[in-house]
C-alpha cells in the first residue's frame, strides 16, 4: 500500500465514527423536538381548561320542610 492509502484509511474510519455520532445526535434531536411539541399541546390544553368555568348545579330536597327543592350552585 502506498502512503495515500495509509492516510485515507484513518480518514475513512474517522468519517464513519463521525457519521455514527451525527446519526445518534439527529435521532435524539428529533425526540427532543417531539417532546417539545407534546409539551406545547399540554400547555395549550391547560390554558383552554383554565379559561373554562367549573360550575356545577344540583337540585337537593330541602331538609327543613321536606317539600321544597333547593337549587345549589357551586364552584
PDB file of N, CA and C in Angstrom:
ATOM      1  N   UNK A   1       0.846  -1.182   0.000  1.00  0.00           N
ATOM      2  CA  UNK A   1       0.000   0.000   0.000  1.00  0.00           C
ATOM      3  C   UNK A   1       0.885   1.237   0.000  1.00  0.00           C
ATOM      4  N   UNK A   2       0.459   2.213  -0.724  1.00  0.00           N
ATOM      5  CA  UNK A   2       1.246   3.442  -0.773  1.00  0.00           C
ATOM      6  C   UNK A   2       0.811   4.380   0.362  1.00  0.00           C
ATOM      7  N   UNK A   3       1.459   5.508   0.470  1.00  0.00           N
ATOM      8  CA  UNK A   3       1.234   6.430   1.567  1.00  0.00           C
ATOM      9  C   UNK A   3      -0.163   7.033   1.546  1.00  0.00           C
ATOM     10  N   UNK A   4      -0.728   7.240   0.328  1.00  0.00           N
ATOM     11  CA  UNK A   4      -2.075   7.811   0.230  1.00  0.00           C
ATOM     12  C   UNK A   4      -3.112   6.886   0.855  1.00  0.00           C
ATOM     13  N   UNK A   5      -2.939   5.591   0.668  1.00  0.00           N
ATOM     14  CA  UNK A   5      -3.871   4.628   1.241  1.00  0.00           C
ATOM     15  C   UNK A   5      -3.790   4.630   2.762  1.00  0.00           C
ATOM     16  N   UNK A   6      -2.557   4.746   3.305  1.00  0.00           N
ATOM     17  CA  UNK A   6      -2.389   4.777   4.759  1.00  0.00           C
ATOM     18  C   UNK A   6      -2.999   6.048   5.370  1.00  0.00           C
ATOM     19  N   UNK A   7      -2.993   7.121   4.641  1.00  0.00           N
ATOM     20  CA  UNK A   7      -3.594   8.366   5.130  1.00  0.00           C
ATOM     21  C   UNK A   7      -5.120   8.306   4.977  1.00  0.00           C
ATOM     22  N   UNK A   8      -5.595   7.694   3.904  1.00  0.00           N
ATOM     23  CA  UNK A   8      -7.021   7.647   3.632  1.00  0.00           C
ATOM     24  C   UNK A   8      -7.754   6.698   4.583  1.00  0.00           C
ATOM     25  N   UNK A   9      -7.095   5.621   5.005  1.00  0.00           N
ATOM     26  CA  UNK A   9      -7.742   4.634   5.876  1.00  0.00           C
ATOM     27  C   UNK A   9      -8.198   5.247   7.204  1.00  0.00           C
ATOM     28  N   UNK A  10      -7.348   5.949   7.955  1.00  0.00           N
ATOM     29  CA  UNK A  10      -7.844   6.578   9.189  1.00  0.00           C
ATOM     30  C   UNK A  10      -8.911   7.643   8.917  1.00  0.00           C
ATOM     31  N   UNK A  11      -8.791   8.337   7.795  1.00  0.00           N
ATOM     32  CA  UNK A  11      -9.795   9.339   7.461  1.00  0.00           C
ATOM     33  C   UNK A  11     -11.161   8.689   7.253  1.00  0.00           C
ATOM     34  N   UNK A  12     -11.195   7.537   6.606  1.00  0.00           N
ATOM     35  CA  UNK A  12     -12.449   6.815   6.392  1.00  0.00           C
ATOM     36  C   UNK A  12     -13.011   6.332   7.728  1.00  0.00           C
ATOM     37  N   UNK A  13     -12.140   5.829   8.597  1.00  0.00           N
ATOM     38  CA  UNK A  13     -12.603   5.353   9.905  1.00  0.00           C
ATOM     39  C   UNK A  13     -13.147   6.502  10.754  1.00  0.00           C
ATOM     40  N   UNK A  14     -12.469   7.617  10.731  1.00  0.00           N
ATOM     41  CA  UNK A  14     -12.933   8.777  11.490  1.00  0.00           C
ATOM     42  C   UNK A  14     -14.246   9.297  10.915  1.00  0.00           C
ATOM     43  N   UNK A  15     -14.374   9.294   9.612  1.00  0.00           N
ATOM     44  CA  UNK A  15     -15.620   9.726   8.973  1.00  0.00           C
ATOM     45  C   UNK A  15     -16.772   8.797   9.348  1.00  0.00           C
ATOM     46  N   UNK A  16     -16.501   7.521   9.406  1.00  0.00           N
ATOM     47  CA  UNK A  16     -17.540   6.558   9.807  1.00  0.00           C
ATOM     48  C   UNK A  16     -17.990   6.788  11.243  1.00  0.00           C
ATOM     49  N   UNK A  17     -17.018   7.034  12.138  1.00  0.00           N
ATOM     50  CA  UNK A  17     -17.377   7.315  13.526  1.00  0.00           C
ATOM     51  C   UNK A  17     -18.171   8.617  13.623  1.00  0.00           C
ATOM     52  N   UNK A  18     -17.769   9.618  12.858  1.00  0.00           N
ATOM     53  CA  UNK A  18     -18.491  10.887  12.873  1.00  0.00           C
ATOM     54  C   UNK A  18     -19.909  10.702  12.349  1.00  0.00           C
ATOM     55  N   UNK A  19     -20.075   9.875  11.341  1.00  0.00           N
ATOM     56  CA  UNK A  19     -21.404   9.598  10.809  1.00  0.00           C
ATOM     57  C   UNK A  19     -22.287   8.927  11.858  1.00  0.00           C
ATOM     58  N   UNK A  20     -21.726   7.990  12.596  1.00  0.00           N
ATOM     59  CA  UNK A  20     -22.474   7.304  13.649  1.00  0.00           C
ATOM     60  C   UNK A  20     -22.959   8.294  14.710  1.00  0.00           C
ATOM     61  N   UNK A  21     -22.050   9.118  15.202  1.00  0.00           N
ATOM     62  CA  UNK A  21     -22.420  10.059  16.254  1.00  0.00           C
ATOM     63  C   UNK A  21     -23.349  11.157  15.738  1.00  0.00           C
ATOM     64  N   UNK A  22     -23.216  11.542  14.503  1.00  0.00           N
ATOM     65  CA  UNK A  22     -24.132  12.517  13.917  1.00  0.00           C
ATOM     66  C   UNK A  22     -25.529  11.925  13.804  1.00  0.00           C
ATOM     67  N   UNK A  23     -25.603  10.667  13.416  1.00  0.00           N
ATOM     68  CA  UNK A  23     -26.896   9.994  13.341  1.00  0.00           C
ATOM     69  C   UNK A  23     -27.572   9.896  14.697  1.00  0.00           C
ATOM     70  N   UNK A  24     -26.798   9.570  15.721  1.00  0.00           N
ATOM     71  CA  UNK A  24     -27.363   9.499  17.080  1.00  0.00           C
ATOM     72  C   UNK A  24     -27.821  10.866  17.547  1.00  0.00           C
ATOM     73  N   UNK A  25     -27.046  11.891  17.253  1.00  0.00           N
ATOM     74  CA  UNK A  25     -27.432  13.250  17.649  1.00  0.00           C
ATOM     75  C   UNK A  25     -28.717  13.659  16.930  1.00  0.00           C
ATOM     76  N   UNK A  26     -28.848  13.314  15.667  1.00  0.00           N
ATOM     77  CA  UNK A  26     -30.060  13.644  14.922  1.00  0.00           C
ATOM     78  C   UNK A  26     -31.268  12.900  15.497  1.00  0.00           C
ATOM     79  N   UNK A  27     -31.082  11.649  15.883  1.00  0.00           N
ATOM     80  CA  UNK A  27     -32.166  10.866  16.482  1.00  0.00           C
ATOM     81  C   UNK A  27     -32.655  11.516  17.772  1.00  0.00           C
ATOM     82  N   UNK A  28     -31.718  11.872  18.647  1.00  0.00           N
ATOM     83  CA  UNK A  28     -32.117  12.466  19.918  1.00  0.00           C
ATOM     84  C   UNK A  28     -32.659  13.880  19.742  1.00  0.00           C
ATOM     85  N   UNK A  29     -32.192  14.593  18.744  1.00  0.00           N
ATOM     86  CA  UNK A  29     -32.752  15.908  18.452  1.00  0.00           C
ATOM     87  C   UNK A  29     -34.206  15.773  18.016  1.00  0.00           C
ATOM     88  N   UNK A  30     -34.501  14.758  17.235  1.00  0.00           N
ATOM     89  CA  UNK A  30     -35.888  14.503  16.838  1.00  0.00           C
ATOM     90  C   UNK A  30     -36.768  14.164  18.024  1.00  0.00           C
ATOM     91  N   UNK A  31     -36.235  13.388  18.953  1.00  0.00           N
ATOM     92  CA  UNK A  31     -37.002  13.049  20.159  1.00  0.00           C
ATOM     93  C   UNK A  31     -37.279  14.284  20.996  1.00  0.00           C
ATOM     94  N   UNK A  32     -36.286  15.168  21.110  1.00  0.00           N
ATOM     95  CA  UNK A  32     -36.465  16.402  21.878  1.00  0.00           C
ATOM     96  C   UNK A  32     -37.512  17.285  21.206  1.00  0.00           C
ATOM     97  N   UNK A  33     -37.472  17.378  19.896  1.00  0.00           N
ATOM     98  CA  UNK A  33     -38.450  18.193  19.172  1.00  0.00           C
ATOM     99  C   UNK A  33     -39.856  17.632  19.356  1.00  0.00           C
ATOM    100  N   UNK A  34     -39.988  16.323  19.332  1.00  0.00           N
ATOM    101  CA  UNK A  34     -41.297  15.699  19.537  1.00  0.00           C
ATOM    102  C   UNK A  34     -41.811  15.981  20.950  1.00  0.00           C
ATOM    103  N   UNK A  35     -40.938  15.857  21.950  1.00  0.00           N
ATOM    104  CA  UNK A  35     -41.338  16.136  23.332  1.00  0.00           C
ATOM    105  C   UNK A  35     -41.724  17.599  23.506  1.00  0.00           C
ATOM    106  N   UNK A  36     -41.020  18.499  22.840  1.00  0.00           N
ATOM    107  CA  UNK A  36     -41.364  19.921  22.918  1.00  0.00           C
ATOM    108  C   UNK A  36     -42.730  20.176  22.299  1.00  0.00           C
ATOM    109  N   UNK A  37     -43.036  19.505  21.214  1.00  0.00           N
ATOM    110  CA  UNK A  37     -44.353  19.642  20.602  1.00  0.00           C
ATOM    111  C   UNK A  37     -45.460  19.133  21.512  1.00  0.00           C
ATOM    112  N   UNK A  38     -45.227  18.009  22.169  1.00  0.00           N
ATOM    113  CA  UNK A  38     -46.209  17.485  23.112  1.00  0.00           C
ATOM    114  C   UNK A  38     -46.394  18.434  24.290  1.00  0.00           C
ATOM    115  N   UNK A  39     -45.299  19.002  24.782  1.00  0.00           N
ATOM    116  CA  UNK A  39     -45.385  19.951  25.886  1.00  0.00           C
ATOM    117  C   UNK A  39     -46.178  21.192  25.480  1.00  0.00           C
ATOM    118  N   UNK A  40     -46.004  21.635  24.244  1.00  0.00           N
ATOM    119  CA  UNK A  40     -46.779  22.772  23.745  1.00  0.00           C
ATOM    120  C   UNK A  40     -48.264  22.441  23.720  1.00  0.00           C
ATOM    121  N   UNK A  41     -48.599  21.241  23.297  1.00  0.00           N
ATOM    122  CA  UNK A  41     -50.007  20.825  23.286  1.00  0.00           C
ATOM    123  C   UNK A  41     -50.580  20.764  24.697  1.00  0.00           C
ATOM    124  N   UNK A  42     -49.799  20.273  25.641  1.00  0.00           N
ATOM    125  CA  UNK A  42     -50.252  20.218  27.039  1.00  0.00           C
ATOM    126  C   UNK A  42     -50.483  21.624  27.572  1.00  0.00           C
ATOM    127  N   UNK A  43     -49.544  22.535  27.303  1.00  0.00           N
ATOM    128  CA  UNK A  43     -49.699  23.913  27.768  1.00  0.00           C
ATOM    129  C   UNK A  43     -50.920  24.574  27.138  1.00  0.00           C
ATOM    130  N   UNK A  44     -51.163  24.303  25.871  1.00  0.00           N
ATOM    131  CA  UNK A  44     -52.333  24.867  25.191  1.00  0.00           C
ATOM    132  C   UNK A  44     -53.610  24.350  25.834  1.00  0.00           C
ATOM    133  N   UNK A  45     -53.662  23.044  26.135  1.00  0.00           N
ATOM    134  CA  UNK A  45     -54.853  22.473  26.757  1.00  0.00           C
ATOM    135  C   UNK A  45     -55.048  23.026  28.163  1.00  0.00           C
ATOM    136  N   UNK A  46     -53.964  23.225  28.914  1.00  0.00           N
ATOM    137  CA  UNK A  46     -54.077  23.816  30.248  1.00  0.00           C
ATOM    138  C   UNK A  46     -54.624  25.241  30.172  1.00  0.00           C
ATOM    139  N   UNK A  47     -54.188  25.999  29.170  1.00  0.00           N
ATOM    140  CA  UNK A  47     -54.681  27.363  29.000  1.00  0.00           C
ATOM    141  C   UNK A  47     -56.172  27.358  28.679  1.00  0.00           C
ATOM    142  N   UNK A  48     -56.595  26.449  27.807  1.00  0.00           N
ATOM    143  CA  UNK A  48     -58.013  26.372  27.466  1.00  0.00           C
ATOM    144  C   UNK A  48     -58.849  25.919  28.663  1.00  0.00           C
ATOM    145  N   UNK A  49     -58.328  24.956  29.420  1.00  0.00           N
ATOM    146  CA  UNK A  49     -59.053  24.478  30.597  1.00  0.00           C
ATOM    147  C   UNK A  49     -59.162  25.562  31.667  1.00  0.00           C
ATOM    148  N   UNK A  50     -58.129  26.375  31.807  1.00  0.00           N
ATOM    149  CA  UNK A  50     -58.163  27.436  32.809  1.00  0.00           C
ATOM    150  C   UNK A  50     -59.179  28.507  32.450  1.00  0.00           C
ATOM    151  N   UNK A  51     -59.489  28.667  31.184  1.00  0.00           N
ATOM    152  CA  UNK A  51     -60.447  29.681  30.756  1.00  0.00           C
ATOM    153  C   UNK A  51     -61.888  29.202  30.908  1.00  0.00           C
ATOM    154  N   UNK A  52     -62.102  27.914  31.093  1.00  0.00           N
ATOM    155  CA  UNK A  52     -63.444  27.368  31.226  1.00  0.00           C
ATOM    156  C   UNK A  52     -63.908  27.466  32.676  1.00  0.00           C
ATOM    157  N   UNK A  53     -65.132  27.909  32.894  1.00  0.00           N
ATOM    158  CA  UNK A  53     -65.650  27.953  34.266  1.00  0.00           C
ATOM    159  C   UNK A  53     -66.007  26.542  34.738  1.00  0.00           C
ATOM    160  N   UNK A  54     -65.668  26.258  35.967  1.00  0.00           N
ATOM    161  CA  UNK A  54     -66.016  24.972  36.565  1.00  0.00           C
ATOM    162  C   UNK A  54     -67.164  25.211  37.544  1.00  0.00           C
ATOM    163  N   UNK A  55     -68.378  25.161  37.031  1.00  0.00           N
ATOM    164  CA  UNK A  55     -69.583  25.405  37.810  1.00  0.00           C
ATOM    165  C   UNK A  55     -70.436  24.147  37.754  1.00  0.00           C
ATOM    166  N   UNK A  56     -71.009  23.788  38.892  1.00  0.00           N
ATOM    167  CA  UNK A  56     -71.913  22.660  38.907  1.00  0.00           C
ATOM    168  C   UNK A  56     -73.224  23.086  39.543  1.00  0.00           C
ATOM    169  N   UNK A  57     -74.290  22.423  39.145  1.00  0.00           N
ATOM    170  CA  UNK A  57     -75.631  22.721  39.634  1.00  0.00           C
ATOM    171  C   UNK A  57     -76.237  21.421  40.132  1.00  0.00           C
ATOM    172  N   UNK A  58     -76.936  21.515  41.258  1.00  0.00           N
ATOM    173  CA  UNK A  58     -77.556  20.326  41.833  1.00  0.00           C
ATOM    174  C   UNK A  58     -78.912  20.717  42.410  1.00  0.00           C
ATOM    175  N   UNK A  59     -79.875  19.840  42.277  1.00  0.00           N
ATOM    176  CA  UNK A  59     -81.182  20.007  42.920  1.00  0.00           C
ATOM    177  C   UNK A  59     -81.222  19.085  44.123  1.00  0.00           C
ATOM    178  N   UNK A  60     -81.441  19.670  45.319  1.00  0.00           N
ATOM    179  CA  UNK A  60     -81.478  18.875  46.550  1.00  0.00           C
ATOM    180  C   UNK A  60     -82.791  19.155  47.286  1.00  0.00           C
ATOM    181  N   UNK A  61     -83.321  18.145  47.898  1.00  0.00           N
ATOM    182  CA  UNK A  61     -84.540  18.387  48.680  1.00  0.00           C
ATOM    183  C   UNK A  61     -84.211  19.224  49.918  1.00  0.00           C
ATOM    184  N   UNK A  62     -85.148  20.075  50.278  1.00  0.00           N
ATOM    185  CA  UNK A  62     -84.977  20.906  51.466  1.00  0.00           C
ATOM    186  C   UNK A  62     -85.212  20.032  52.690  1.00  0.00           C
ATOM    187  N   UNK A  63     -84.203  19.914  53.524  1.00  0.00           N
ATOM    188  CA  UNK A  63     -84.296  19.015  54.680  1.00  0.00           C
ATOM    189  C   UNK A  63     -85.181  19.596  55.773  1.00  0.00           C
ATOM    190  N   UNK A  64     -85.371  20.897  55.766  1.00  0.00           N
ATOM    191  CA  UNK A  64     -86.189  21.508  56.815  1.00  0.00           C
ATOM    192  C   UNK A  64     -87.681  21.286  56.561  1.00  0.00           C
ATOM    193  N   UNK A  65     -88.128  21.505  55.328  1.00  0.00           N
ATOM    194  CA  UNK A  65     -89.559  21.389  55.033  1.00  0.00           C
ATOM    195  C   UNK A  65     -89.926  20.047  54.404  1.00  0.00           C
ATOM    196  N   UNK A  66     -89.066  19.487  53.643  1.00  0.00           N
ATOM    197  CA  UNK A  66     -89.342  18.204  53.009  1.00  0.00           C
ATOM    198  C   UNK A  66     -90.115  18.312  51.708  1.00  0.00           C
ATOM    199  N   UNK A  67     -90.661  19.484  51.397  1.00  0.00           N
ATOM    200  CA  UNK A  67     -91.439  19.620  50.168  1.00  0.00           C
ATOM    201  C   UNK A  67     -90.769  20.521  49.150  1.00  0.00           C
ATOM    202  N   UNK A  68     -89.884  21.385  49.601  1.00  0.00           N
ATOM    203  CA  UNK A  68     -89.222  22.301  48.683  1.00  0.00           C
ATOM    204  C   UNK A  68     -87.951  21.675  48.119  1.00  0.00           C
ATOM    205  N   UNK A  69     -87.497  22.242  46.996  1.00  0.00           N
ATOM    206  CA  UNK A  69     -86.257  21.794  46.374  1.00  0.00           C
ATOM    207  C   UNK A  69     -85.295  22.990  46.344  1.00  0.00           C
ATOM    208  N   UNK A  70     -84.081  22.757  46.763  1.00  0.00           N
ATOM    209  CA  UNK A  70     -83.059  23.804  46.743  1.00  0.00           C
ATOM    210  C   UNK A  70     -82.201  23.650  45.489  1.00  0.00           C
ATOM    211  N   UNK A  71     -81.969  24.753  44.824  1.00  0.00           N
ATOM    212  CA  UNK A  71     -81.066  24.790  43.681  1.00  0.00           C
ATOM    213  C   UNK A  71     -79.702  25.187  44.229  1.00  0.00           C
ATOM    214  N   UNK A  72     -78.749  24.280  44.164  1.00  0.00           N
ATOM    215  CA  UNK A  72     -77.410  24.510  44.702  1.00  0.00           C
ATOM    216  C   UNK A  72     -76.451  24.694  43.535  1.00  0.00           C
ATOM    217  N   UNK A  73     -75.755  25.834  43.535  1.00  0.00           N
ATOM    218  CA  UNK A  73     -74.762  26.143  42.506  1.00  0.00           C
ATOM    219  C   UNK A  73     -73.417  26.269  43.193  1.00  0.00           C
ATOM    220  N   UNK A  74     -72.414  25.560  42.685  1.00  0.00           N
ATOM    221  CA  UNK A  74     -71.099  25.586  43.329  1.00  0.00           C
ATOM    222  C   UNK A  74     -69.980  25.682  42.313  1.00  0.00           C
ATOM    223  N   UNK A  75     -68.814  25.955  42.855  1.00  0.00           N
ATOM    224  CA  UNK A  75     -67.601  26.044  42.032  1.00  0.00           C
ATOM    225  C   UNK A  75     -66.621  25.001  42.442  1.00  0.00           C
TER     226      UNK A  75
END
